[in-house]
N, C-alpha and C. Protein backbone atom coordinates (compact mmCIF):
# COMPACT_ATOMS: atom_id res chain seq x y z
N MET A 1 21.13 -7.97 13.93
CA MET A 1 20.39 -8.92 13.12
C MET A 1 19.09 -9.35 13.81
N LEU A 2 19.06 -9.34 15.13
CA LEU A 2 17.86 -9.77 15.83
C LEU A 2 16.69 -8.84 15.59
N ARG A 3 16.96 -7.56 15.36
CA ARG A 3 15.85 -6.65 15.13
C ARG A 3 15.18 -6.90 13.77
N LEU A 4 15.85 -7.61 12.88
CA LEU A 4 15.25 -7.96 11.59
C LEU A 4 14.36 -9.19 11.69
N ARG A 5 14.38 -9.88 12.82
CA ARG A 5 13.49 -11.02 13.02
C ARG A 5 12.14 -10.51 13.45
N ASN A 6 11.38 -10.10 12.49
CA ASN A 6 10.11 -9.46 12.76
C ASN A 6 9.07 -10.07 11.83
N TYR A 7 7.87 -10.24 12.33
CA TYR A 7 6.80 -10.83 11.53
C TYR A 7 6.47 -9.97 10.31
N TRP A 8 6.53 -8.66 10.46
CA TRP A 8 6.19 -7.76 9.35
C TRP A 8 7.27 -7.80 8.27
N ILE A 9 8.52 -7.95 8.65
CA ILE A 9 9.60 -8.07 7.67
C ILE A 9 9.44 -9.38 6.90
N TYR A 10 9.11 -10.43 7.62
CA TYR A 10 8.87 -11.73 6.99
C TYR A 10 7.69 -11.64 6.02
N SER A 11 6.63 -10.94 6.40
CA SER A 11 5.46 -10.77 5.53
C SER A 11 5.83 -9.99 4.27
N ALA A 12 6.61 -8.95 4.43
CA ALA A 12 7.03 -8.16 3.27
C ALA A 12 7.89 -9.01 2.34
N GLY A 13 8.77 -9.81 2.91
CA GLY A 13 9.60 -10.70 2.09
C GLY A 13 8.77 -11.70 1.31
N LEU A 14 7.74 -12.24 1.96
CA LEU A 14 6.84 -13.16 1.24
C LEU A 14 6.11 -12.45 0.10
N GLY A 15 5.71 -11.22 0.34
CA GLY A 15 5.04 -10.45 -0.71
C GLY A 15 5.94 -10.23 -1.91
N VAL A 16 7.20 -9.92 -1.66
CA VAL A 16 8.16 -9.72 -2.75
C VAL A 16 8.37 -11.01 -3.53
N VAL A 17 8.52 -12.11 -2.81
CA VAL A 17 8.73 -13.41 -3.48
C VAL A 17 7.52 -13.79 -4.32
N TRP A 18 6.30 -13.59 -3.77
CA TRP A 18 5.10 -13.89 -4.55
C TRP A 18 5.00 -13.00 -5.79
N ALA A 19 5.33 -11.73 -5.65
CA ALA A 19 5.27 -10.82 -6.80
C ALA A 19 6.23 -11.27 -7.90
N ILE A 20 7.44 -11.63 -7.52
CA ILE A 20 8.42 -12.09 -8.51
C ILE A 20 7.96 -13.39 -9.16
N ALA A 21 7.44 -14.31 -8.34
CA ALA A 21 6.97 -15.58 -8.90
C ALA A 21 5.81 -15.37 -9.87
N LEU A 22 4.88 -14.50 -9.51
CA LEU A 22 3.74 -14.25 -10.40
C LEU A 22 4.18 -13.56 -11.69
N LEU A 23 5.13 -12.64 -11.60
CA LEU A 23 5.65 -12.00 -12.82
C LEU A 23 6.31 -13.02 -13.74
N ILE A 24 7.09 -13.92 -13.17
CA ILE A 24 7.75 -14.94 -13.99
C ILE A 24 6.72 -15.87 -14.62
N ILE A 25 5.71 -16.27 -13.84
CA ILE A 25 4.69 -17.18 -14.37
C ILE A 25 3.89 -16.51 -15.49
N PHE A 26 3.48 -15.26 -15.28
CA PHE A 26 2.72 -14.58 -16.32
C PHE A 26 3.57 -14.37 -17.58
N ALA A 27 4.85 -14.07 -17.41
CA ALA A 27 5.71 -13.82 -18.57
C ALA A 27 6.02 -15.11 -19.33
N SER A 28 6.20 -16.22 -18.62
CA SER A 28 6.62 -17.43 -19.30
C SER A 28 5.46 -18.35 -19.71
N ARG A 29 4.40 -18.39 -18.92
CA ARG A 29 3.31 -19.34 -19.19
C ARG A 29 2.07 -18.72 -19.79
N GLY A 30 1.92 -17.42 -19.67
CA GLY A 30 0.75 -16.77 -20.24
C GLY A 30 -0.35 -16.51 -19.22
N PRO A 31 -1.38 -15.78 -19.65
CA PRO A 31 -2.43 -15.38 -18.71
C PRO A 31 -3.31 -16.52 -18.21
N ALA A 32 -3.50 -17.56 -18.99
CA ALA A 32 -4.36 -18.66 -18.55
C ALA A 32 -3.77 -19.36 -17.33
N THR A 33 -2.51 -19.70 -17.40
CA THR A 33 -1.85 -20.32 -16.25
C THR A 33 -1.67 -19.31 -15.12
N GLY A 34 -1.44 -18.06 -15.48
CA GLY A 34 -1.27 -17.01 -14.47
C GLY A 34 -2.51 -16.84 -13.60
N ARG A 35 -3.69 -16.99 -14.21
CA ARG A 35 -4.93 -16.86 -13.42
C ARG A 35 -5.06 -17.99 -12.40
N VAL A 36 -4.61 -19.16 -12.75
CA VAL A 36 -4.64 -20.28 -11.80
C VAL A 36 -3.73 -19.96 -10.61
N PHE A 37 -2.56 -19.43 -10.88
CA PHE A 37 -1.65 -19.09 -9.79
C PHE A 37 -2.16 -17.89 -8.99
N LEU A 38 -2.92 -17.01 -9.61
CA LEU A 38 -3.54 -15.92 -8.85
C LEU A 38 -4.56 -16.47 -7.86
N LEU A 39 -5.28 -17.51 -8.25
CA LEU A 39 -6.21 -18.15 -7.30
C LEU A 39 -5.45 -18.77 -6.12
N VAL A 40 -4.33 -19.42 -6.42
CA VAL A 40 -3.51 -19.99 -5.35
C VAL A 40 -3.00 -18.88 -4.44
N PHE A 41 -2.54 -17.79 -5.03
CA PHE A 41 -2.05 -16.66 -4.25
C PHE A 41 -3.16 -16.06 -3.39
N GLY A 42 -4.35 -15.95 -3.94
CA GLY A 42 -5.49 -15.41 -3.17
C GLY A 42 -5.81 -16.29 -1.97
N ARG A 43 -5.78 -17.59 -2.16
CA ARG A 43 -6.04 -18.50 -1.04
C ARG A 43 -4.93 -18.43 -0.01
N PHE A 44 -3.70 -18.27 -0.47
CA PHE A 44 -2.59 -18.09 0.46
C PHE A 44 -2.79 -16.82 1.28
N CYS A 45 -3.22 -15.75 0.63
CA CYS A 45 -3.45 -14.48 1.34
C CYS A 45 -4.54 -14.62 2.40
N ILE A 46 -5.59 -15.34 2.09
CA ILE A 46 -6.66 -15.56 3.07
C ILE A 46 -6.10 -16.28 4.30
N GLY A 47 -5.31 -17.30 4.09
CA GLY A 47 -4.69 -18.02 5.20
C GLY A 47 -3.72 -17.15 5.97
N TRP A 48 -2.95 -16.32 5.27
CA TRP A 48 -1.97 -15.45 5.94
C TRP A 48 -2.68 -14.42 6.81
N VAL A 49 -3.74 -13.84 6.30
CA VAL A 49 -4.50 -12.87 7.09
C VAL A 49 -5.11 -13.55 8.31
N SER A 50 -5.60 -14.75 8.14
CA SER A 50 -6.18 -15.50 9.25
C SER A 50 -5.15 -15.75 10.34
N THR A 51 -3.95 -16.17 9.97
CA THR A 51 -2.92 -16.43 10.98
C THR A 51 -2.42 -15.13 11.61
N THR A 52 -2.41 -14.05 10.86
CA THR A 52 -2.00 -12.76 11.42
C THR A 52 -2.99 -12.30 12.48
N ILE A 53 -4.27 -12.45 12.21
CA ILE A 53 -5.29 -12.10 13.20
C ILE A 53 -5.13 -12.99 14.43
N ALA A 54 -4.89 -14.27 14.23
CA ALA A 54 -4.73 -15.19 15.36
C ALA A 54 -3.52 -14.83 16.20
N ARG A 55 -2.45 -14.34 15.59
CA ARG A 55 -1.27 -13.94 16.35
C ARG A 55 -1.57 -12.79 17.31
N PHE A 56 -2.44 -11.89 16.91
CA PHE A 56 -2.75 -10.75 17.76
C PHE A 56 -3.83 -11.07 18.77
N VAL A 57 -4.77 -11.92 18.43
CA VAL A 57 -5.84 -12.26 19.36
C VAL A 57 -5.35 -13.23 20.42
N TYR A 58 -4.54 -14.21 20.02
CA TYR A 58 -4.02 -15.22 20.94
C TYR A 58 -2.49 -15.14 20.95
N PRO A 59 -1.91 -14.27 21.76
CA PRO A 59 -0.44 -14.17 21.77
C PRO A 59 0.18 -15.44 22.35
N PRO A 60 1.44 -15.70 22.04
CA PRO A 60 2.07 -16.92 22.55
C PRO A 60 2.19 -16.88 24.07
N PRO A 61 2.22 -18.05 24.72
CA PRO A 61 2.33 -18.08 26.18
C PRO A 61 3.72 -17.62 26.63
N LYS A 62 3.80 -17.27 27.89
CA LYS A 62 5.09 -16.87 28.44
C LYS A 62 6.01 -18.10 28.49
N ARG A 63 7.28 -17.86 28.61
CA ARG A 63 8.25 -18.96 28.62
C ARG A 63 8.04 -19.85 29.84
N TRP A 64 8.33 -21.13 29.66
CA TRP A 64 8.14 -22.09 30.75
C TRP A 64 9.08 -21.80 31.91
N GLY A 65 10.27 -21.30 31.65
CA GLY A 65 11.23 -21.02 32.71
C GLY A 65 10.71 -20.01 33.72
N ALA A 66 9.96 -19.03 33.27
CA ALA A 66 9.40 -18.02 34.17
C ALA A 66 8.31 -18.60 35.03
N MET A 67 7.61 -19.62 34.56
CA MET A 67 6.52 -20.22 35.32
C MET A 67 7.03 -21.09 36.46
N GLN A 68 8.24 -21.62 36.38
CA GLN A 68 8.76 -22.52 37.41
C GLN A 68 9.10 -21.78 38.69
N HIS A 69 9.38 -20.49 38.64
CA HIS A 69 9.79 -19.74 39.81
C HIS A 69 8.61 -19.21 40.62
N ILE A 70 7.40 -19.44 40.19
CA ILE A 70 6.22 -18.89 40.86
C ILE A 70 5.86 -19.69 42.11
N SER A 71 6.15 -20.93 42.21
CA SER A 71 5.73 -21.78 43.33
C SER A 71 6.18 -21.28 44.63
């Protein structure tokens, strides 16, 4: 199960959930409301891409436990 804890798997899952949500919204509310949710989805994508870039440019720091043994 630990190998499934992956950022790319989480991203794919979010994509599937957004696709299902947009399909339901377009089917039940119509194209006018659907376009509003497409704008929300587009803004979400911009933020997601931004955080993905930040994850690769600024990786998380090493664990604090490893730093204590250096002294």
